Full PDB file with SEQRES, HELIX, SHEET, SSBOND, CRYST1, ORIGX, SCALE, CONECT and MASTER records, all heavy atoms in Angstrom:
SEQRES   1 A   31  ALA GLY LEU GLU ARG LEU PRO THR TYR ARG PRO PRO ARG          
SEQRES   2 A   31  LEU PRO ARG MET ALA GLN PHE ALA ARG LEU ALA ALA ALA          
SEQRES   3 A   31  ILE ALA GLU ALA GLN                                          
HELIX    1 AA1 GLY A    2  ARG A    5  1                                   4    
HELIX    2 AA2 LEU A    6  THR A    8  5                                   3    
HELIX    3 AA3 ALA A   18  ALA A   30  1                                  13    
CRYST1    1.000    1.000    1.000  90.00  90.00  90.00 P 1           1          
ORIGX1      1.000000  0.000000  0.000000        0.00000                         
ORIGX2      0.000000  1.000000  0.000000        0.00000                         
ORIGX3      0.000000  0.000000  1.000000        0.00000                         
SCALE1      1.000000  0.000000  0.000000        0.00000                         
SCALE2      0.000000  1.000000  0.000000        0.00000                         
SCALE3      0.000000  0.000000  1.000000        0.00000                         
ATOM      1  N   ALA A   1      21.000  -9.542 -35.183  1.00  0.00           N  
ATOM      2  CA  ALA A   1      19.802  -8.697 -35.079  1.00  0.00           C  
ATOM      3  C   ALA A   1      18.644  -9.453 -34.442  1.00  0.00           C  
ATOM      4  O   ALA A   1      17.881  -8.887 -33.644  1.00  0.00           O  
ATOM      5  CB  ALA A   1      19.411  -8.190 -36.473  1.00  0.00           C  
ATOM      6  N   GLY A   2      18.489 -10.740 -34.791  1.00  0.00           N  
ATOM      7  CA  GLY A   2      17.398 -11.521 -34.216  1.00  0.00           C  
ATOM      8  C   GLY A   2      17.548 -11.744 -32.722  1.00  0.00           C  
ATOM      9  O   GLY A   2      16.570 -11.662 -31.965  1.00  0.00           O  
ATOM     10  N   LEU A   3      18.774 -12.026 -32.266  1.00  0.00           N  
ATOM     11  CA  LEU A   3      18.993 -12.212 -30.831  1.00  0.00           C  
ATOM     12  C   LEU A   3      18.764 -10.912 -30.067  1.00  0.00           C  
ATOM     13  O   LEU A   3      18.330 -10.928 -28.903  1.00  0.00           O  
ATOM     14  CB  LEU A   3      20.412 -12.723 -30.586  1.00  0.00           C  
ATOM     15  CG  LEU A   3      20.710 -14.149 -31.059  1.00  0.00           C  
ATOM     16  CD1 LEU A   3      22.177 -14.482 -30.845  1.00  0.00           C  
ATOM     17  CD2 LEU A   3      19.831 -15.155 -30.335  1.00  0.00           C  
ATOM     18  N   GLU A   4      19.066  -9.786 -30.688  1.00  0.00           N  
ATOM     19  CA  GLU A   4      18.810  -8.493 -30.048  1.00  0.00           C  
ATOM     20  C   GLU A   4      17.313  -8.235 -29.927  1.00  0.00           C  
ATOM     21  O   GLU A   4      16.841  -7.644 -28.955  1.00  0.00           O  
ATOM     22  CB  GLU A   4      19.485  -7.388 -30.874  1.00  0.00           C  
ATOM     23  CG  GLU A   4      19.385  -6.003 -30.270  1.00  0.00           C  
ATOM     24  CD  GLU A   4      20.336  -5.788 -29.112  1.00  0.00           C  
ATOM     25  OE1 GLU A   4      21.124  -6.705 -28.792  1.00  0.00           O  
ATOM     26  OE2 GLU A   4      20.308  -4.695 -28.528  1.00  0.00           O  
ATOM     27  N   ARG A   5      16.551  -8.701 -30.908  1.00  0.00           N  
ATOM     28  CA  ARG A   5      15.091  -8.468 -30.919  1.00  0.00           C  
ATOM     29  C   ARG A   5      14.334  -9.499 -30.086  1.00  0.00           C  
ATOM     30  O   ARG A   5      13.234  -9.216 -29.602  1.00  0.00           O  
ATOM     31  CB  ARG A   5      14.599  -8.533 -32.371  1.00  0.00           C  
ATOM     32  CG  ARG A   5      13.101  -8.293 -32.565  1.00  0.00           C  
ATOM     33  CD  ARG A   5      12.730  -6.856 -32.309  1.00  0.00           C  
ATOM     34  NE  ARG A   5      11.337  -6.599 -32.618  1.00  0.00           N  
ATOM     35  CZ  ARG A   5      10.321  -6.814 -31.768  1.00  0.00           C  
ATOM     36  NH1 ARG A   5      10.597  -7.308 -30.554  1.00  0.00           N  
ATOM     37  NH2 ARG A   5       9.086  -6.558 -32.111  1.00  0.00           N  
ATOM     38  N   LEU A   6      14.922 -10.649 -29.864  1.00  0.00           N  
ATOM     39  CA  LEU A   6      14.218 -11.780 -29.262  1.00  0.00           C  
ATOM     40  C   LEU A   6      13.609 -11.497 -27.888  1.00  0.00           C  
ATOM     41  O   LEU A   6      12.457 -11.890 -27.640  1.00  0.00           O  
ATOM     42  CB  LEU A   6      15.171 -12.978 -29.176  1.00  0.00           C  
ATOM     43  CG  LEU A   6      14.591 -14.274 -28.605  1.00  0.00           C  
ATOM     44  CD1 LEU A   6      13.461 -14.786 -29.483  1.00  0.00           C  
ATOM     45  CD2 LEU A   6      15.685 -15.339 -28.469  1.00  0.00           C  
ATOM     46  N   PRO A   7      14.292 -10.872 -26.946  1.00  0.00           N  
ATOM     47  CA  PRO A   7      13.714 -10.731 -25.597  1.00  0.00           C  
ATOM     48  C   PRO A   7      12.371 -10.010 -25.567  1.00  0.00           C  
ATOM     49  O   PRO A   7      11.551 -10.284 -24.680  1.00  0.00           O  
ATOM     50  CB  PRO A   7      14.786  -9.934 -24.836  1.00  0.00           C  
ATOM     51  CG  PRO A   7      16.057 -10.223 -25.558  1.00  0.00           C  
ATOM     52  CD  PRO A   7      15.674 -10.334 -26.997  1.00  0.00           C  
ATOM     53  N   THR A   8      12.118  -9.104 -26.487  1.00  0.00           N  
ATOM     54  CA  THR A   8      10.871  -8.339 -26.477  1.00  0.00           C  
ATOM     55  C   THR A   8       9.868  -8.829 -27.501  1.00  0.00           C  
ATOM     56  O   THR A   8       8.789  -8.242 -27.621  1.00  0.00           O  
ATOM     57  CB  THR A   8      11.167  -6.859 -26.744  1.00  0.00           C  
ATOM     58  OG1 THR A   8      11.823  -6.718 -28.022  1.00  0.00           O  
ATOM     59  CG2 THR A   8      12.060  -6.284 -25.651  1.00  0.00           C  
ATOM     60  N   TYR A   9      10.209  -9.889 -28.224  1.00  0.00           N  
ATOM     61  CA  TYR A   9       9.290 -10.379 -29.267  1.00  0.00           C  
ATOM     62  C   TYR A   9       8.459 -11.522 -28.691  1.00  0.00           C  
ATOM     63  O   TYR A   9       8.983 -12.595 -28.388  1.00  0.00           O  
ATOM     64  CB  TYR A   9      10.080 -10.846 -30.488  1.00  0.00           C  
ATOM     65  CG  TYR A   9       9.192 -11.268 -31.636  1.00  0.00           C  
ATOM     66  CD1 TYR A   9       8.459 -10.332 -32.348  1.00  0.00           C  
ATOM     67  CD2 TYR A   9       9.084 -12.613 -31.990  1.00  0.00           C  
ATOM     68  CE1 TYR A   9       7.641 -10.717 -33.397  1.00  0.00           C  
ATOM     69  CE2 TYR A   9       8.267 -13.004 -33.032  1.00  0.00           C  
ATOM     70  CZ  TYR A   9       7.546 -12.052 -33.730  1.00  0.00           C  
ATOM     71  OH  TYR A   9       6.725 -12.426 -34.757  1.00  0.00           O  
ATOM     72  N   ARG A  10       7.165 -11.294 -28.542  1.00  0.00           N  
ATOM     73  CA  ARG A  10       6.260 -12.268 -27.940  1.00  0.00           C  
ATOM     74  C   ARG A  10       5.047 -12.476 -28.836  1.00  0.00           C  
ATOM     75  O   ARG A  10       4.019 -11.821 -28.691  1.00  0.00           O  
ATOM     76  CB  ARG A  10       5.803 -11.798 -26.550  1.00  0.00           C  
ATOM     77  CG  ARG A  10       6.939 -11.587 -25.559  1.00  0.00           C  
ATOM     78  CD  ARG A  10       7.508 -12.904 -25.097  1.00  0.00           C  
ATOM     79  NE  ARG A  10       8.651 -12.726 -24.203  1.00  0.00           N  
ATOM     80  CZ  ARG A  10       9.302 -13.729 -23.633  1.00  0.00           C  
ATOM     81  NH1 ARG A  10       8.936 -14.964 -23.871  1.00  0.00           N  
ATOM     82  NH2 ARG A  10      10.336 -13.494 -22.855  1.00  0.00           N  
ATOM     83  N   PRO A  11       5.114 -13.380 -29.797  1.00  0.00           N  
ATOM     84  CA  PRO A  11       3.958 -13.614 -30.681  1.00  0.00           C  
ATOM     85  C   PRO A  11       2.822 -14.294 -29.918  1.00  0.00           C  
ATOM     86  O   PRO A  11       3.061 -15.036 -28.952  1.00  0.00           O  
ATOM     87  CB  PRO A  11       4.529 -14.521 -31.766  1.00  0.00           C  
ATOM     88  CG  PRO A  11       5.711 -15.175 -31.139  1.00  0.00           C  
ATOM     89  CD  PRO A  11       6.273 -14.195 -30.169  1.00  0.00           C  
ATOM     90  N   PRO A  12       1.580 -14.074 -30.343  1.00  0.00           N  
ATOM     91  CA  PRO A  12       0.435 -14.648 -29.611  1.00  0.00           C  
ATOM     92  C   PRO A  12       0.290 -16.157 -29.768  1.00  0.00           C  
ATOM     93  O   PRO A  12      -0.296 -16.814 -28.912  1.00  0.00           O  
ATOM     94  CB  PRO A  12      -0.763 -13.918 -30.212  1.00  0.00           C  
ATOM     95  CG  PRO A  12      -0.307 -13.467 -31.563  1.00  0.00           C  
ATOM     96  CD  PRO A  12       1.152 -13.195 -31.439  1.00  0.00           C  
ATOM     97  N   ARG A  13       0.775 -16.718 -30.877  1.00  0.00           N  
ATOM     98  CA  ARG A  13       0.639 -18.160 -31.105  1.00  0.00           C  
ATOM     99  C   ARG A  13       1.982 -18.716 -31.557  1.00  0.00           C  
ATOM    100  O   ARG A  13       2.699 -18.087 -32.340  1.00  0.00           O  
ATOM    101  CB  ARG A  13      -0.416 -18.466 -32.181  1.00  0.00           C  
ATOM    102  CG  ARG A  13      -1.829 -18.135 -31.780  1.00  0.00           C  
ATOM    103  CD  ARG A  13      -2.782 -18.512 -32.900  1.00  0.00           C  
ATOM    104  NE  ARG A  13      -2.760 -19.931 -33.186  1.00  0.00           N  
ATOM    105  CZ  ARG A  13      -3.469 -20.857 -32.526  1.00  0.00           C  
ATOM    106  NH1 ARG A  13      -4.264 -20.477 -31.532  1.00  0.00           N  
ATOM    107  NH2 ARG A  13      -3.404 -22.126 -32.851  1.00  0.00           N  
ATOM    108  N   LEU A  14       2.317 -19.894 -31.055  1.00  0.00           N  
ATOM    109  CA  LEU A  14       3.569 -20.551 -31.434  1.00  0.00           C  
ATOM    110  C   LEU A  14       3.295 -22.013 -31.775  1.00  0.00           C  
ATOM    111  O   LEU A  14       2.491 -22.672 -31.113  1.00  0.00           O  
ATOM    112  CB  LEU A  14       4.596 -20.478 -30.306  1.00  0.00           C  
ATOM    113  CG  LEU A  14       5.238 -19.120 -30.052  1.00  0.00           C  
ATOM    114  CD1 LEU A  14       6.072 -19.156 -28.785  1.00  0.00           C  
ATOM    115  CD2 LEU A  14       6.098 -18.696 -31.240  1.00  0.00           C  
ATOM    116  N   PRO A  15       3.968 -22.544 -32.784  1.00  0.00           N  
ATOM    117  CA  PRO A  15       3.784 -23.954 -33.146  1.00  0.00           C  
ATOM    118  C   PRO A  15       4.667 -24.858 -32.300  1.00  0.00           C  
ATOM    119  O   PRO A  15       5.341 -24.415 -31.381  1.00  0.00           O  
ATOM    120  CB  PRO A  15       4.231 -23.970 -34.618  1.00  0.00           C  
ATOM    121  CG  PRO A  15       5.297 -22.923 -34.662  1.00  0.00           C  
ATOM    122  CD  PRO A  15       4.900 -21.855 -33.683  1.00  0.00           C  
ATOM    123  N   ARG A  16       4.639 -26.139 -32.613  1.00  0.00           N  
ATOM    124  CA  ARG A  16       5.595 -27.083 -32.027  1.00  0.00           C  
ATOM    125  C   ARG A  16       6.999 -26.626 -32.394  1.00  0.00           C  
ATOM    126  O   ARG A  16       7.208 -26.015 -33.416  1.00  0.00           O  
ATOM    127  CB  ARG A  16       5.317 -28.481 -32.579  1.00  0.00           C  
ATOM    128  CG  ARG A  16       6.205 -29.581 -32.006  1.00  0.00           C  
ATOM    129  CD  ARG A  16       5.763 -29.951 -30.608  1.00  0.00           C  
ATOM    130  NE  ARG A  16       6.624 -30.971 -30.031  1.00  0.00           N  
ATOM    131  CZ  ARG A  16       6.427 -32.272 -30.146  1.00  0.00           C  
ATOM    132  NH1 ARG A  16       5.406 -32.723 -30.848  1.00  0.00           N  
ATOM    133  NH2 ARG A  16       7.229 -33.135 -29.571  1.00  0.00           N  
ATOM    134  N   MET A  17       8.004 -26.952 -31.587  1.00  0.00           N  
ATOM    135  CA  MET A  17       9.354 -26.400 -31.722  1.00  0.00           C  
ATOM    136  C   MET A  17       9.286 -24.894 -31.483  1.00  0.00           C  
ATOM    137  O   MET A  17       9.838 -24.075 -32.232  1.00  0.00           O  
ATOM    138  CB  MET A  17       9.959 -26.691 -33.092  1.00  0.00           C  
ATOM    139  CG  MET A  17       9.735 -28.097 -33.612  1.00  0.00           C  
ATOM    140  SD  MET A  17      10.656 -29.345 -32.693  1.00  0.00           S  
ATOM    141  CE  MET A  17      12.306 -28.984 -33.190  1.00  0.00           C  
ATOM    142  N   ALA A  18       8.579 -24.513 -30.392  1.00  0.00           N  
ATOM    143  CA  ALA A  18       8.225 -23.112 -30.167  1.00  0.00           C  
ATOM    144  C   ALA A  18       9.447 -22.214 -29.996  1.00  0.00           C  
ATOM    145  O   ALA A  18       9.467 -21.082 -30.504  1.00  0.00           O  
ATOM    146  CB  ALA A  18       7.323 -23.013 -28.944  1.00  0.00           C  
ATOM    147  N   GLN A  19      10.477 -22.684 -29.301  1.00  0.00           N  
ATOM    148  CA  GLN A  19      11.647 -21.838 -29.058  1.00  0.00           C  
ATOM    149  C   GLN A  19      12.359 -21.491 -30.362  1.00  0.00           C  
ATOM    150  O   GLN A  19      12.768 -20.345 -30.589  1.00  0.00           O  
ATOM    151  CB  GLN A  19      12.606 -22.532 -28.090  1.00  0.00           C  
ATOM    152  CG  GLN A  19      13.714 -21.641 -27.564  1.00  0.00           C  
ATOM    153  CD  GLN A  19      14.556 -22.322 -26.507  1.00  0.00           C  
ATOM    154  OE1 GLN A  19      14.345 -23.506 -26.189  1.00  0.00           O  
ATOM    155  NE2 GLN A  19      15.507 -21.612 -25.929  1.00  0.00           N  
ATOM    156  N   PHE A  20      12.478 -22.486 -31.231  1.00  0.00           N  
ATOM    157  CA  PHE A  20      13.106 -22.223 -32.522  1.00  0.00           C  
ATOM    158  C   PHE A  20      12.230 -21.302 -33.364  1.00  0.00           C  
ATOM    159  O   PHE A  20      12.739 -20.366 -34.000  1.00  0.00           O  
ATOM    160  CB  PHE A  20      13.338 -23.544 -33.257  1.00  0.00           C  
ATOM    161  CG  PHE A  20      13.909 -23.376 -34.633  1.00  0.00           C  
ATOM    162  CD1 PHE A  20      15.275 -23.341 -34.827  1.00  0.00           C  
ATOM    163  CD2 PHE A  20      13.086 -23.242 -35.744  1.00  0.00           C  
ATOM    164  CE1 PHE A  20      15.817 -23.177 -36.096  1.00  0.00           C  
ATOM    165  CE2 PHE A  20      13.613 -23.075 -37.009  1.00  0.00           C  
ATOM    166  CZ  PHE A  20      14.979 -23.049 -37.186  1.00  0.00           C  
ATOM    167  N   ALA A  21      10.926 -21.575 -33.398  1.00  0.00           N  
ATOM    168  CA  ALA A  21      10.024 -20.770 -34.217  1.00  0.00           C  
ATOM    169  C   ALA A  21      10.032 -19.311 -33.767  1.00  0.00           C  
ATOM    170  O   ALA A  21      10.030 -18.390 -34.597  1.00  0.00           O  
ATOM    171  CB  ALA A  21       8.613 -21.344 -34.155  1.00  0.00           C  
ATOM    172  N   ARG A  22      10.045 -19.077 -32.456  1.00  0.00           N  
ATOM    173  CA  ARG A  22      10.081 -17.702 -31.956  1.00  0.00           C  
ATOM    174  C   ARG A  22      11.385 -17.011 -32.327  1.00  0.00           C  
ATOM    175  O   ARG A  22      11.404 -15.835 -32.701  1.00  0.00           O  
ATOM    176  CB  ARG A  22       9.895 -17.712 -30.442  1.00  0.00           C  
ATOM    177  CG  ARG A  22       9.963 -16.332 -29.805  1.00  0.00           C  
ATOM    178  CD  ARG A  22       9.575 -16.378 -28.337  1.00  0.00           C  
ATOM    179  NE  ARG A  22      10.005 -15.160 -27.672  1.00  0.00           N  
ATOM    180  CZ  ARG A  22      10.902 -15.091 -26.704  1.00  0.00           C  
ATOM    181  NH1 ARG A  22      11.484 -16.196 -26.280  1.00  0.00           N  
ATOM    182  NH2 ARG A  22      11.236 -13.944 -26.153  1.00  0.00           N  
ATOM    183  N   LEU A  23      12.511 -17.734 -32.234  1.00  0.00           N  
ATOM    184  CA  LEU A  23      13.798 -17.158 -32.602  1.00  0.00           C  
ATOM    185  C   LEU A  23      13.835 -16.803 -34.088  1.00  0.00           C  
ATOM    186  O   LEU A  23      14.249 -15.697 -34.467  1.00  0.00           O  
ATOM    187  CB  LEU A  23      14.921 -18.143 -32.275  1.00  0.00           C  
ATOM    188  CG  LEU A  23      16.313 -17.793 -32.817  1.00  0.00           C  
ATOM    189  CD1 LEU A  23      16.807 -16.487 -32.227  1.00  0.00           C  
ATOM    190  CD2 LEU A  23      17.298 -18.929 -32.539  1.00  0.00           C  
ATOM    191  N   ALA A  24      13.427 -17.743 -34.946  1.00  0.00           N  
ATOM    192  CA  ALA A  24      13.438 -17.477 -36.380  1.00  0.00           C  
ATOM    193  C   ALA A  24      12.488 -16.335 -36.738  1.00  0.00           C  
ATOM    194  O   ALA A  24      12.796 -15.503 -37.606  1.00  0.00           O  
ATOM    195  CB  ALA A  24      13.060 -18.738 -37.148  1.00  0.00           C  
ATOM    196  N   ALA A  25      11.336 -16.275 -36.063  1.00  0.00           N  
ATOM    197  CA  ALA A  25      10.401 -15.178 -36.313  1.00  0.00           C  
ATOM    198  C   ALA A  25      10.995 -13.845 -35.860  1.00  0.00           C  
ATOM    199  O   ALA A  25      10.798 -12.808 -36.514  1.00  0.00           O  
ATOM    200  CB  ALA A  25       9.083 -15.445 -35.593  1.00  0.00           C  
ATOM    201  N   ALA A  26      11.740 -13.851 -34.747  1.00  0.00           N  
ATOM    202  CA  ALA A  26      12.405 -12.624 -34.289  1.00  0.00           C  
ATOM    203  C   ALA A  26      13.467 -12.178 -35.291  1.00  0.00           C  
ATOM    204  O   ALA A  26      13.670 -10.975 -35.510  1.00  0.00           O  
ATOM    205  CB  ALA A  26      13.030 -12.850 -32.916  1.00  0.00           C  
ATOM    206  N   ILE A  27      14.168 -13.136 -35.898  1.00  0.00           N  
ATOM    207  CA  ILE A  27      15.151 -12.792 -36.933  1.00  0.00           C  
ATOM    208  C   ILE A  27      14.454 -12.122 -38.112  1.00  0.00           C  
ATOM    209  O   ILE A  27      14.932 -11.108 -38.644  1.00  0.00           O  
ATOM    210  CB  ILE A  27      15.899 -14.063 -37.381  1.00  0.00           C  
ATOM    211  CG1 ILE A  27      16.797 -14.566 -36.242  1.00  0.00           C  
ATOM    212  CG2 ILE A  27      16.719 -13.802 -38.638  1.00  0.00           C  
ATOM    213  CD1 ILE A  27      17.472 -15.890 -36.535  1.00  0.00           C  
ATOM    214  N   ALA A  28      13.306 -12.683 -38.518  1.00  0.00           N  
ATOM    215  CA  ALA A  28      12.562 -12.074 -39.622  1.00  0.00           C  
ATOM    216  C   ALA A  28      12.006 -10.713 -39.227  1.00  0.00           C  
ATOM    217  O   ALA A  28      12.040  -9.758 -40.006  1.00  0.00           O  
ATOM    218  CB  ALA A  28      11.431 -13.013 -40.048  1.00  0.00           C  
ATOM    219  N   GLU A  29      11.497 -10.611 -38.000  1.00  0.00           N  
ATOM    220  CA  GLU A  29      10.913  -9.349 -37.522  1.00  0.00           C  
ATOM    221  C   GLU A  29      11.962  -8.251 -37.435  1.00  0.00           C  
ATOM    222  O   GLU A  29      11.660  -7.070 -37.655  1.00  0.00           O  
ATOM    223  CB  GLU A  29      10.256  -9.573 -36.165  1.00  0.00           C  
ATOM    224  CG  GLU A  29       9.484  -8.382 -35.609  1.00  0.00           C  
ATOM    225  CD  GLU A  29       8.185  -8.130 -36.344  1.00  0.00           C  
ATOM    226  OE1 GLU A  29       7.710  -9.042 -37.063  1.00  0.00           O  
ATOM    227  OE2 GLU A  29       7.637  -7.014 -36.204  1.00  0.00           O  
ATOM    228  N   ALA A  30      13.194  -8.623 -37.102  1.00  0.00           N  
ATOM    229  CA  ALA A  30      14.259  -7.626 -37.001  1.00  0.00           C  
ATOM    230  C   ALA A  30      14.592  -7.013 -38.358  1.00  0.00           C  
ATOM    231  O   ALA A  30      15.120  -5.899 -38.425  1.00  0.00           O  
ATOM    232  CB  ALA A  30      15.515  -8.265 -36.398  1.00  0.00           C  
ATOM    233  N   GLN A  31      14.271  -7.720 -39.436  1.00  0.00           N  
ATOM    234  CA  GLN A  31      14.543  -7.203 -40.779  1.00  0.00           C  
ATOM    235  C   GLN A  31      13.398  -6.359 -41.313  1.00  0.00           C  
ATOM    236  O   GLN A  31      13.610  -5.394 -42.046  1.00  0.00           O  
ATOM    237  CB  GLN A  31      14.817  -8.368 -41.741  1.00  0.00           C  
ATOM    238  CG  GLN A  31      15.944  -9.283 -41.305  1.00  0.00           C  
ATOM    239  CD  GLN A  31      17.227  -8.545 -41.030  1.00  0.00           C  
ATOM    240  OE1 GLN A  31      17.721  -7.796 -41.879  1.00  0.00           O  
ATOM    241  NE2 GLN A  31      17.770  -8.735 -39.827  1.00  0.00           N  
TER     242      GLN A  31                                                      
MASTER        0    0    0    3    0    0    0    6  241    1    0    3          
END                                                                             
């Protein structure tokens, strides 16, 4: 579900390890 949501999920701020943080946030957002 997170990989399906990832391409359109663009948060305004990202921390260090940004690619991982965006992926994990997309997984949470998909739920």
